Amino acid sequence: MIDKFYKKYTNISDPVTLIETVDPSDTEDLDSVSRAISVTGSGTVKVTTVGETVGIIYVAAGAVYPIRVSRIWNSDTTATGIVSLS
């Protein structure tokens, strides 16, 4: 298969090229900083943003949230089926 966009510069607003299942952790950062997150089960997600802000957000299942995070914490996270989009 030919990919016309191979090795092209990716802007933050371009479609995502990597989807990773997230195992929330209070000690480990994500493998890749996200461009957005999504969940299959609504709830709260505690995150550390790339700006090093820690906060808790409520997320609804099926929506895509454009938030750049380096960590998704286990503590205070109740949402399930979390994926990182980058």
N, C-alpha and C. Protein backbone atom coordinates (compact mmCIF):
# COMPACT_ATOMS: atom_id res chain seq x y z
N MET A 1 0.84 -1.17 0.00
CA MET A 1 0.00 0.00 0.00
C MET A 1 0.89 1.24 0.00
N ILE A 2 0.54 2.23 -0.77
CA ILE A 2 1.28 3.48 -0.85
C ILE A 2 0.70 4.48 0.14
N ASP A 3 1.58 5.13 0.89
CA ASP A 3 1.16 6.19 1.82
C ASP A 3 1.78 7.49 1.32
N LYS A 4 0.98 8.34 0.69
CA LYS A 4 1.47 9.60 0.12
C LYS A 4 1.99 10.56 1.18
N PHE A 5 1.61 10.32 2.44
CA PHE A 5 1.98 11.25 3.50
C PHE A 5 3.11 10.74 4.39
N TYR A 6 3.73 9.63 4.00
CA TYR A 6 4.85 9.08 4.76
C TYR A 6 5.95 10.13 4.87
N LYS A 7 6.44 10.31 6.09
CA LYS A 7 7.52 11.26 6.39
C LYS A 7 7.14 12.71 6.15
N LYS A 8 5.87 13.02 6.09
CA LYS A 8 5.44 14.40 5.99
C LYS A 8 5.32 14.97 7.40
N TYR A 9 5.56 16.26 7.53
CA TYR A 9 5.44 16.93 8.82
C TYR A 9 3.99 16.86 9.28
N THR A 10 3.78 16.53 10.54
CA THR A 10 2.44 16.43 11.10
C THR A 10 2.16 17.66 11.95
N ASN A 11 1.08 18.37 11.63
CA ASN A 11 0.63 19.49 12.44
C ASN A 11 -0.29 18.98 13.53
N ILE A 12 -0.42 19.74 14.59
CA ILE A 12 -1.25 19.33 15.72
C ILE A 12 -2.70 19.12 15.29
N SER A 13 -3.14 19.79 14.24
CA SER A 13 -4.53 19.67 13.80
C SER A 13 -4.74 18.56 12.77
N ASP A 14 -3.67 17.90 12.34
CA ASP A 14 -3.79 16.79 11.39
C ASP A 14 -4.43 15.57 12.06
N PRO A 15 -4.96 14.66 11.28
CA PRO A 15 -5.53 13.43 11.86
C PRO A 15 -4.46 12.66 12.65
N VAL A 16 -4.91 11.95 13.66
CA VAL A 16 -3.98 11.17 14.48
C VAL A 16 -3.42 10.00 13.67
N THR A 17 -2.24 9.57 14.04
CA THR A 17 -1.60 8.45 13.36
C THR A 17 -1.26 7.31 14.31
N LEU A 18 -1.52 7.51 15.61
CA LEU A 18 -1.19 6.49 16.60
C LEU A 18 -2.30 6.44 17.65
N ILE A 19 -2.81 5.25 17.91
CA ILE A 19 -3.80 5.03 18.96
C ILE A 19 -3.21 4.02 19.93
N GLU A 20 -3.12 4.41 21.21
CA GLU A 20 -2.54 3.54 22.22
C GLU A 20 -3.52 3.35 23.37
N THR A 21 -3.71 2.11 23.78
CA THR A 21 -4.49 1.82 24.98
C THR A 21 -3.70 2.29 26.19
N VAL A 22 -4.38 2.95 27.12
CA VAL A 22 -3.71 3.52 28.29
C VAL A 22 -4.00 2.67 29.52
N ASP A 23 -2.94 2.31 30.23
CA ASP A 23 -3.04 1.72 31.56
C ASP A 23 -2.67 2.83 32.53
N PRO A 24 -3.66 3.46 33.18
CA PRO A 24 -3.35 4.57 34.08
C PRO A 24 -2.31 4.18 35.12
N SER A 25 -1.42 5.12 35.44
CA SER A 25 -0.34 4.86 36.38
C SER A 25 -0.02 6.12 37.17
N ASP A 26 0.22 5.95 38.46
CA ASP A 26 0.63 7.08 39.30
C ASP A 26 2.13 7.31 39.24
N THR A 27 2.87 6.44 38.55
CA THR A 27 4.33 6.56 38.52
C THR A 27 4.93 6.63 37.12
N GLU A 28 4.21 6.18 36.10
CA GLU A 28 4.76 6.10 34.75
C GLU A 28 4.04 7.04 33.79
N ASP A 29 4.82 7.75 32.95
CA ASP A 29 4.27 8.59 31.90
C ASP A 29 3.84 7.73 30.71
N LEU A 30 3.03 8.31 29.84
CA LEU A 30 2.64 7.63 28.60
C LEU A 30 3.87 7.44 27.72
N ASP A 31 3.83 6.47 26.82
CA ASP A 31 4.93 6.26 25.88
C ASP A 31 5.08 7.45 24.94
N SER A 32 3.95 8.05 24.54
CA SER A 32 3.93 9.21 23.65
C SER A 32 2.96 10.24 24.22
N VAL A 33 3.33 11.50 24.14
CA VAL A 33 2.42 12.57 24.57
C VAL A 33 1.20 12.54 23.66
N SER A 34 0.03 12.65 24.25
CA SER A 34 -1.20 12.59 23.46
C SER A 34 -1.48 13.90 22.74
N ARG A 35 -2.27 13.81 21.68
CA ARG A 35 -2.87 14.97 21.05
C ARG A 35 -4.32 15.07 21.47
N ALA A 36 -4.86 13.93 21.92
CA ALA A 36 -6.23 13.85 22.40
C ALA A 36 -6.38 12.54 23.16
N ILE A 37 -7.49 12.43 23.93
CA ILE A 37 -7.83 11.18 24.58
C ILE A 37 -9.30 10.89 24.34
N SER A 38 -9.66 9.62 24.49
CA SER A 38 -11.04 9.19 24.37
C SER A 38 -11.24 8.02 25.32
N VAL A 39 -12.50 7.79 25.72
CA VAL A 39 -12.80 6.70 26.64
C VAL A 39 -14.04 5.95 26.17
N THR A 40 -14.17 4.71 26.59
CA THR A 40 -15.38 3.94 26.28
C THR A 40 -16.36 3.96 27.44
N GLY A 41 -15.87 4.27 28.65
CA GLY A 41 -16.73 4.36 29.83
C GLY A 41 -16.57 5.71 30.50
N SER A 42 -17.63 6.48 30.56
CA SER A 42 -17.59 7.83 31.12
C SER A 42 -17.08 7.84 32.56
N GLY A 43 -16.47 8.96 32.95
CA GLY A 43 -15.98 9.13 34.31
C GLY A 43 -14.96 10.24 34.38
N THR A 44 -14.18 10.21 35.43
CA THR A 44 -13.13 11.22 35.60
C THR A 44 -11.79 10.65 35.16
N VAL A 45 -10.92 11.55 34.70
CA VAL A 45 -9.55 11.19 34.33
C VAL A 45 -8.63 12.22 34.95
N LYS A 46 -7.69 11.74 35.74
CA LYS A 46 -6.67 12.62 36.31
C LYS A 46 -5.49 12.61 35.35
N VAL A 47 -5.05 13.80 34.94
CA VAL A 47 -4.00 13.91 33.93
C VAL A 47 -2.90 14.86 34.37
N THR A 48 -1.74 14.69 33.77
CA THR A 48 -0.67 15.68 33.80
C THR A 48 -0.52 16.16 32.36
N THR A 49 -0.70 17.46 32.15
CA THR A 49 -0.59 18.01 30.80
C THR A 49 0.87 18.23 30.43
N VAL A 50 1.13 18.50 29.16
CA VAL A 50 2.50 18.79 28.74
C VAL A 50 3.00 20.08 29.38
N GLY A 51 2.08 20.93 29.83
CA GLY A 51 2.46 22.14 30.56
C GLY A 51 2.70 21.87 32.04
N GLU A 52 2.68 20.59 32.43
CA GLU A 52 2.95 20.10 33.79
C GLU A 52 1.88 20.48 34.79
N THR A 53 0.65 20.70 34.31
CA THR A 53 -0.48 20.94 35.18
C THR A 53 -1.15 19.60 35.48
N VAL A 54 -1.48 19.36 36.73
CA VAL A 54 -2.20 18.16 37.12
C VAL A 54 -3.64 18.56 37.41
N GLY A 55 -4.58 17.82 36.82
CA GLY A 55 -5.99 18.12 37.05
C GLY A 55 -6.87 16.93 36.76
N ILE A 56 -8.10 17.04 37.20
CA ILE A 56 -9.09 15.99 36.99
C ILE A 56 -10.17 16.54 36.08
N ILE A 57 -10.46 15.81 35.00
CA ILE A 57 -11.51 16.22 34.07
C ILE A 57 -12.55 15.12 33.96
N TYR A 58 -13.78 15.52 33.66
CA TYR A 58 -14.84 14.56 33.42
C TYR A 58 -14.91 14.33 31.91
N VAL A 59 -14.96 13.07 31.50
CA VAL A 59 -15.05 12.74 30.08
C VAL A 59 -16.23 11.80 29.84
N ALA A 60 -16.92 12.04 28.73
CA ALA A 60 -18.05 11.20 28.35
C ALA A 60 -17.60 10.18 27.32
N ALA A 61 -18.15 9.01 27.39
CA ALA A 61 -17.80 7.93 26.47
C ALA A 61 -18.04 8.33 25.03
N GLY A 62 -17.09 7.99 24.18
CA GLY A 62 -17.24 8.20 22.74
C GLY A 62 -16.78 9.54 22.22
N ALA A 63 -16.55 10.50 23.10
CA ALA A 63 -16.09 11.83 22.66
C ALA A 63 -14.56 11.84 22.59
N VAL A 64 -14.04 12.72 21.75
CA VAL A 64 -12.60 12.91 21.65
C VAL A 64 -12.27 14.26 22.30
N TYR A 65 -11.36 14.22 23.26
CA TYR A 65 -10.97 15.42 23.99
C TYR A 65 -9.56 15.84 23.58
N PRO A 66 -9.43 17.00 22.94
CA PRO A 66 -8.13 17.46 22.46
C PRO A 66 -7.29 18.02 23.60
N ILE A 67 -6.63 17.10 24.30
CA ILE A 67 -5.81 17.49 25.45
C ILE A 67 -4.46 16.78 25.35
N ARG A 68 -3.40 17.56 25.46
CA ARG A 68 -2.05 17.00 25.36
C ARG A 68 -1.58 16.63 26.75
N VAL A 69 -1.51 15.33 27.00
CA VAL A 69 -1.12 14.85 28.32
C VAL A 69 0.09 13.94 28.24
N SER A 70 0.89 13.98 29.31
CA SER A 70 2.05 13.09 29.41
C SER A 70 1.80 11.93 30.36
N ARG A 71 0.80 12.10 31.26
CA ARG A 71 0.47 11.01 32.20
C ARG A 71 -1.04 10.98 32.42
N ILE A 72 -1.56 9.78 32.54
CA ILE A 72 -2.92 9.56 33.01
C ILE A 72 -2.79 8.74 34.29
N TRP A 73 -3.22 9.36 35.37
CA TRP A 73 -3.06 8.80 36.71
C TRP A 73 -4.08 7.70 36.99
N ASN A 74 -3.68 6.73 37.79
CA ASN A 74 -4.60 5.70 38.25
C ASN A 74 -5.50 6.26 39.35
N SER A 75 -4.89 6.99 40.29
CA SER A 75 -5.68 7.57 41.38
C SER A 75 -6.60 8.64 40.81
N ASP A 76 -7.82 8.68 41.29
CA ASP A 76 -8.84 9.65 40.88
C ASP A 76 -9.35 9.46 39.45
N THR A 77 -8.94 8.40 38.76
CA THR A 77 -9.45 8.10 37.42
C THR A 77 -10.50 7.01 37.54
N THR A 78 -11.72 7.33 37.08
CA THR A 78 -12.81 6.35 37.11
C THR A 78 -13.26 5.94 35.72
N ALA A 79 -12.88 6.71 34.70
CA ALA A 79 -13.24 6.37 33.32
C ALA A 79 -12.54 5.08 32.92
N THR A 80 -13.14 4.36 31.99
CA THR A 80 -12.56 3.10 31.54
C THR A 80 -12.37 3.13 30.02
N GLY A 81 -11.56 2.21 29.54
CA GLY A 81 -11.33 2.10 28.10
C GLY A 81 -10.64 3.34 27.55
N ILE A 82 -9.62 3.82 28.24
CA ILE A 82 -8.95 5.06 27.85
C ILE A 82 -7.95 4.78 26.73
N VAL A 83 -7.99 5.63 25.70
CA VAL A 83 -7.01 5.56 24.62
C VAL A 83 -6.38 6.93 24.44
N SER A 84 -5.11 6.92 24.09
CA SER A 84 -4.35 8.11 23.77
C SER A 84 -4.25 8.20 22.25
N LEU A 85 -4.55 9.35 21.72
CA LEU A 85 -4.47 9.59 20.28
C LEU A 85 -3.35 10.57 20.01
N SER A 86 -2.41 10.19 19.16
CA SER A 86 -1.29 11.10 18.86
C SER A 86 -0.89 11.00 17.41
